[in-house]
Amino acid sequence: MKKKSYSINEAQKLLENYCAYQDRSHKDVIDKLKTINIIPSGIDQIISDLIQNNYLNESRFAKSFARGKFRIKKWGKKRITFQLKYNHQVSNYNIKSAVKEIDEEEYIKTFLKLSEKIWESTNGNETSTRKRKFISALKYRGWEEELIFDQLRIIDKNNETF
């Protein structure tokens, strides 16, 4: 089965729609262009046009990604940073800027609610197993170890209840 080939103008329109639907990283756009077999010089031209016409903006993407993953998936700053850096190849400057957008008070409140929910969901397990699962679940979501272990100390003080 032969793949449809696109002219530069057709690919440009396709990618404008792709970027207008939701913010995309430069890597997402380049990957999309490669899947539709656009030549490297065409990729550069299309990327340049998308940036000039504000369809593609790395800073806006990073901030949108960080807000969404924090609010919807309850990810911590470490996981957001990792995903932006390694999966989307966003610059360190834009990553720092995006993570700074997360309100510190909301960040702590979210962590406390999530940690309580996770602790309660591990109910009934042996204490050491319960703590291991608690730590693992929060680390997987990218929460800082300092926050996790501070919360465990509070749990221990309160006789393992919130």
C-alpha atoms as a PDB file:
ATOM      1  CA  MET A   1       0.000   0.000   0.000  1.00  0.00           C
ATOM      2  CA  LYS A   2       1.508   3.294  -1.081  1.00  0.00           C
ATOM      3  CA  LYS A   3       1.571   6.242   1.304  1.00  0.00           C
ATOM      4  CA  LYS A   4      -0.012   9.483   0.163  1.00  0.00           C
ATOM      5  CA  SER A   5       2.609  12.063  -0.700  1.00  0.00           C
ATOM      6  CA  TYR A   6       2.131  15.672   0.277  1.00  0.00           C
ATOM      7  CA  SER A   7       3.389  18.852  -1.308  1.00  0.00           C
ATOM      8  CA  ILE A   8       5.038  21.401   0.990  1.00  0.00           C
ATOM      9  CA  ASN A   9       1.861  23.540   0.896  1.00  0.00           C
ATOM     10  CA  GLU A  10      -0.396  20.588   1.694  1.00  0.00           C
ATOM     11  CA  ALA A  11       1.879  19.519   4.542  1.00  0.00           C
ATOM     12  CA  GLN A  12       1.950  23.120   5.796  1.00  0.00           C
ATOM     13  CA  LYS A  13      -1.871  23.208   5.996  1.00  0.00           C
ATOM     14  CA  LEU A  14      -1.988  19.765   7.607  1.00  0.00           C
ATOM     15  CA  LEU A  15       0.502  20.827  10.278  1.00  0.00           C
ATOM     16  CA  GLU A  16      -1.246  24.165  10.883  1.00  0.00           C
ATOM     17  CA  ASN A  17      -4.388  22.198  11.735  1.00  0.00           C
ATOM     18  CA  TYR A  18      -2.359  19.738  13.812  1.00  0.00           C
ATOM     19  CA  CYS A  19      -0.839  22.587  15.861  1.00  0.00           C
ATOM     20  CA  ALA A  20      -4.074  24.584  16.086  1.00  0.00           C
ATOM     21  CA  TYR A  21      -5.854  21.611  17.661  1.00  0.00           C
ATOM     22  CA  GLN A  22      -3.495  21.641  20.661  1.00  0.00           C
ATOM     23  CA  ASP A  23      -0.054  22.944  21.541  1.00  0.00           C
ATOM     24  CA  ARG A  24       2.693  20.704  20.162  1.00  0.00           C
ATOM     25  CA  SER A  25       6.404  20.433  20.807  1.00  0.00           C
ATOM     26  CA  HIS A  26       8.891  20.922  17.997  1.00  0.00           C
ATOM     27  CA  LYS A  27       9.708  17.210  18.285  1.00  0.00           C
ATOM     28  CA  ASP A  28       6.031  16.238  17.860  1.00  0.00           C
ATOM     29  CA  VAL A  29       5.822  18.336  14.691  1.00  0.00           C
ATOM     30  CA  ILE A  30       9.081  16.997  13.243  1.00  0.00           C
ATOM     31  CA  ASP A  31       7.954  13.416  13.972  1.00  0.00           C
ATOM     32  CA  LYS A  32       4.635  14.092  12.261  1.00  0.00           C
ATOM     33  CA  LEU A  33       6.384  15.551   9.201  1.00  0.00           C
ATOM     34  CA  LYS A  34       8.673  12.525   9.004  1.00  0.00           C
ATOM     35  CA  THR A  35       5.694  10.137   9.096  1.00  0.00           C
ATOM     36  CA  ILE A  36       4.243  11.861   6.030  1.00  0.00           C
ATOM     37  CA  ASN A  37       7.641  11.639   4.258  1.00  0.00           C
ATOM     38  CA  ILE A  38       8.521  15.307   3.938  1.00  0.00           C
ATOM     39  CA  ILE A  39      12.146  15.933   2.912  1.00  0.00           C
ATOM     40  CA  PRO A  40      14.483  17.538   5.506  1.00  0.00           C
ATOM     41  CA  SER A  41      14.624  20.919   3.748  1.00  0.00           C
ATOM     42  CA  GLY A  42      10.817  20.920   3.599  1.00  0.00           C
ATOM     43  CA  ILE A  43      10.665  20.115   7.315  1.00  0.00           C
ATOM     44  CA  ASP A  44      12.873  23.117   8.101  1.00  0.00           C
ATOM     45  CA  GLN A  45      10.746  25.409   5.932  1.00  0.00           C
ATOM     46  CA  ILE A  46       7.465  24.232   7.477  1.00  0.00           C
ATOM     47  CA  ILE A  47       8.815  24.482  11.047  1.00  0.00           C
ATOM     48  CA  SER A  48      10.030  28.005  10.323  1.00  0.00           C
ATOM     49  CA  ASP A  49       6.634  29.026   8.900  1.00  0.00           C
ATOM     50  CA  LEU A  50       4.754  27.464  11.844  1.00  0.00           C
ATOM     51  CA  ILE A  51       6.926  29.407  14.304  1.00  0.00           C
ATOM     52  CA  GLN A  52       6.533  32.684  12.367  1.00  0.00           C
ATOM     53  CA  ASN A  53       2.747  32.277  12.251  1.00  0.00           C
ATOM     54  CA  ASN A  54       2.656  31.349  15.967  1.00  0.00           C
ATOM     55  CA  TYR A  55       1.284  27.858  15.413  1.00  0.00           C
ATOM     56  CA  LEU A  56       4.382  26.448  17.076  1.00  0.00           C
ATOM     57  CA  ASN A  57       5.723  27.947  20.295  1.00  0.00           C
ATOM     58  CA  GLU A  58       7.967  25.877  22.564  1.00  0.00           C
ATOM     59  CA  SER A  59       7.430  28.101  25.596  1.00  0.00           C
ATOM     60  CA  ARG A  60       3.650  27.982  25.275  1.00  0.00           C
ATOM     61  CA  PHE A  61       3.775  24.202  24.777  1.00  0.00           C
ATOM     62  CA  ALA A  62       5.952  23.673  27.869  1.00  0.00           C
ATOM     63  CA  LYS A  63       3.696  25.787  30.082  1.00  0.00           C
ATOM     64  CA  SER A  64       0.538  24.120  28.784  1.00  0.00           C
ATOM     65  CA  PHE A  65       2.064  20.662  29.224  1.00  0.00           C
ATOM     66  CA  ALA A  66       3.201  21.399  32.792  1.00  0.00           C
ATOM     67  CA  ARG A  67      -0.182  22.842  33.821  1.00  0.00           C
ATOM     68  CA  GLY A  68      -2.111  19.964  32.291  1.00  0.00           C
ATOM     69  CA  LYS A  69      -0.001  17.144  33.673  1.00  0.00           C
ATOM     70  CA  PHE A  70       0.023  18.721  37.121  1.00  0.00           C
ATOM     71  CA  ARG A  71      -3.704  19.444  37.308  1.00  0.00           C
ATOM     72  CA  ILE A  72      -5.067  16.421  35.490  1.00  0.00           C
ATOM     73  CA  LYS A  73      -2.571  13.623  36.137  1.00  0.00           C
ATOM     74  CA  LYS A  74      -1.244  14.978  39.471  1.00  0.00           C
ATOM     75  CA  TRP A  75       2.369  14.728  38.306  1.00  0.00           C
ATOM     76  CA  GLY A  76       5.145  16.265  40.372  1.00  0.00           C
ATOM     77  CA  LYS A  77       7.759  18.660  39.041  1.00  0.00           C
ATOM     78  CA  LYS A  78      10.373  15.949  38.557  1.00  0.00           C
ATOM     79  CA  ARG A  79       8.223  13.900  36.169  1.00  0.00           C
ATOM     80  CA  ILE A  80       7.060  16.973  34.271  1.00  0.00           C
ATOM     81  CA  THR A  81      10.674  18.075  33.860  1.00  0.00           C
ATOM     82  CA  PHE A  82      11.758  14.603  32.741  1.00  0.00           C
ATOM     83  CA  GLN A  83       8.980  14.304  30.165  1.00  0.00           C
ATOM     84  CA  LEU A  84       9.611  17.775  28.738  1.00  0.00           C
ATOM     85  CA  LYS A  85      13.350  17.202  28.526  1.00  0.00           C
ATOM     86  CA  TYR A  86      13.570  13.642  27.218  1.00  0.00           C
ATOM     87  CA  ASN A  87      10.268  12.989  25.443  1.00  0.00           C
ATOM     88  CA  HIS A  88       9.705  16.440  23.945  1.00  0.00           C
ATOM     89  CA  GLN A  89      13.267  17.817  23.854  1.00  0.00           C
ATOM     90  CA  VAL A  90      12.240  21.199  25.251  1.00  0.00           C
ATOM     91  CA  SER A  91      15.029  23.615  26.210  1.00  0.00           C
ATOM     92  CA  ASN A  92      16.069  23.880  29.860  1.00  0.00           C
ATOM     93  CA  TYR A  93      15.047  27.556  29.917  1.00  0.00           C
ATOM     94  CA  ASN A  94      11.479  26.716  28.846  1.00  0.00           C
ATOM     95  CA  ILE A  95      11.302  23.784  31.256  1.00  0.00           C
ATOM     96  CA  LYS A  96      12.296  25.979  34.203  1.00  0.00           C
ATOM     97  CA  SER A  97       9.855  28.651  33.110  1.00  0.00           C
ATOM     98  CA  ALA A  98       7.019  26.109  32.788  1.00  0.00           C
ATOM     99  CA  VAL A  99       7.652  24.517  36.189  1.00  0.00           C
ATOM    100  CA  LYS A 100       7.764  27.962  37.846  1.00  0.00           C
ATOM    101  CA  GLU A 101       4.210  28.535  36.597  1.00  0.00           C
ATOM    102  CA  ILE A 102       2.901  25.902  39.033  1.00  0.00           C
ATOM    103  CA  ASP A 103       1.661  27.683  42.146  1.00  0.00           C
ATOM    104  CA  GLU A 104       3.615  26.427  45.167  1.00  0.00           C
ATOM    105  CA  GLU A 105       0.592  26.473  47.496  1.00  0.00           C
ATOM    106  CA  GLU A 106      -1.524  24.509  45.004  1.00  0.00           C
ATOM    107  CA  TYR A 107       1.424  22.126  44.492  1.00  0.00           C
ATOM    108  CA  ILE A 108       1.623  21.306  48.211  1.00  0.00           C
ATOM    109  CA  LYS A 109      -2.179  20.976  48.549  1.00  0.00           C
ATOM    110  CA  THR A 110      -2.253  18.597  45.601  1.00  0.00           C
ATOM    111  CA  PHE A 111       0.615  16.572  47.056  1.00  0.00           C
ATOM    112  CA  LEU A 112      -1.124  16.272  50.426  1.00  0.00           C
ATOM    113  CA  LYS A 113      -4.427  15.138  48.881  1.00  0.00           C
ATOM    114  CA  LEU A 114      -2.678  12.675  46.608  1.00  0.00           C
ATOM    115  CA  SER A 115      -0.479  11.285  49.374  1.00  0.00           C
ATOM    116  CA  GLU A 116      -3.515  10.802  51.619  1.00  0.00           C
ATOM    117  CA  LYS A 117      -5.372   9.001  48.827  1.00  0.00           C
ATOM    118  CA  ILE A 118      -2.392   6.748  48.109  1.00  0.00           C
ATOM    119  CA  TRP A 119      -1.827   5.981  51.799  1.00  0.00           C
ATOM    120  CA  GLU A 120      -5.475   5.028  52.238  1.00  0.00           C
ATOM    121  CA  SER A 121      -5.433   2.850  49.125  1.00  0.00           C
ATOM    122  CA  THR A 122      -2.551   0.806  50.582  1.00  0.00           C
ATOM    123  CA  ASN A 123      -4.619   0.113  53.713  1.00  0.00           C
ATOM    124  CA  GLY A 124      -4.333  -3.328  55.257  1.00  0.00           C
ATOM    125  CA  ASN A 125      -0.810  -4.037  54.077  1.00  0.00           C
ATOM    126  CA  GLU A 126       2.076  -4.699  56.419  1.00  0.00           C
ATOM    127  CA  THR A 127       3.585  -1.351  57.466  1.00  0.00           C
ATOM    128  CA  SER A 128       6.908  -1.742  55.629  1.00  0.00           C
ATOM    129  CA  THR A 129       5.147  -2.891  52.451  1.00  0.00           C
ATOM    130  CA  ARG A 130       2.643  -0.078  52.757  1.00  0.00           C
ATOM    131  CA  LYS A 131       5.415   2.509  53.102  1.00  0.00           C
ATOM    132  CA  ARG A 132       7.306   1.056  50.138  1.00  0.00           C
ATOM    133  CA  LYS A 133       4.195   1.200  47.950  1.00  0.00           C
ATOM    134  CA  PHE A 134       3.473   4.741  49.150  1.00  0.00           C
ATOM    135  CA  ILE A 135       6.993   5.930  48.303  1.00  0.00           C
ATOM    136  CA  SER A 136       7.015   4.107  44.979  1.00  0.00           C
ATOM    137  CA  ALA A 137       3.663   5.521  43.861  1.00  0.00           C
ATOM    138  CA  LEU A 138       4.647   9.100  44.644  1.00  0.00           C
ATOM    139  CA  LYS A 139       8.134   8.801  43.132  1.00  0.00           C
ATOM    140  CA  TYR A 140       6.629   7.344  39.959  1.00  0.00           C
ATOM    141  CA  ARG A 141       4.442  10.437  39.659  1.00  0.00           C
ATOM    142  CA  GLY A 142       7.509  12.647  39.992  1.00  0.00           C
ATOM    143  CA  TRP A 143       7.106  14.035  43.492  1.00  0.00           C
ATOM    144  CA  GLU A 144      10.242  15.094  45.343  1.00  0.00           C
ATOM    145  CA  GLU A 145      11.685  12.621  47.835  1.00  0.00           C
ATOM    146  CA  GLU A 146      11.921  15.348  50.480  1.00  0.00           C
ATOM    147  CA  LEU A 147       8.140  15.852  50.362  1.00  0.00           C
ATOM    148  CA  ILE A 148       7.484  12.112  50.392  1.00  0.00           C
ATOM    149  CA  PHE A 149       9.697  11.380  53.401  1.00  0.00           C
ATOM    150  CA  ASP A 150       8.406  14.423  55.314  1.00  0.00           C
ATOM    151  CA  GLN A 151       4.897  13.074  54.782  1.00  0.00           C
ATOM    152  CA  LEU A 152       5.955   9.622  55.993  1.00  0.00           C
ATOM    153  CA  ARG A 153       7.362  11.173  59.186  1.00  0.00           C
ATOM    154  CA  ILE A 154       4.018  12.889  59.776  1.00  0.00           C
ATOM    155  CA  ILE A 155       2.224   9.580  59.210  1.00  0.00           C
ATOM    156  CA  ASP A 156       4.513   7.856  61.718  1.00  0.00           C
ATOM    157  CA  LYS A 157       3.879  10.607  64.294  1.00  0.00           C
ATOM    158  CA  ASN A 158       0.142  10.253  63.860  1.00  0.00           C
ATOM    159  CA  ASN A 159       0.245   6.475  64.338  1.00  0.00           C
ATOM    160  CA  GLU A 160      -0.192   5.842  60.627  1.00  0.00           C
ATOM    161  CA  THR A 161      -3.320   7.899  60.200  1.00  0.00           C
ATOM    162  CA  PHE A 162      -3.901  11.174  58.435  1.00  0.00           C
END
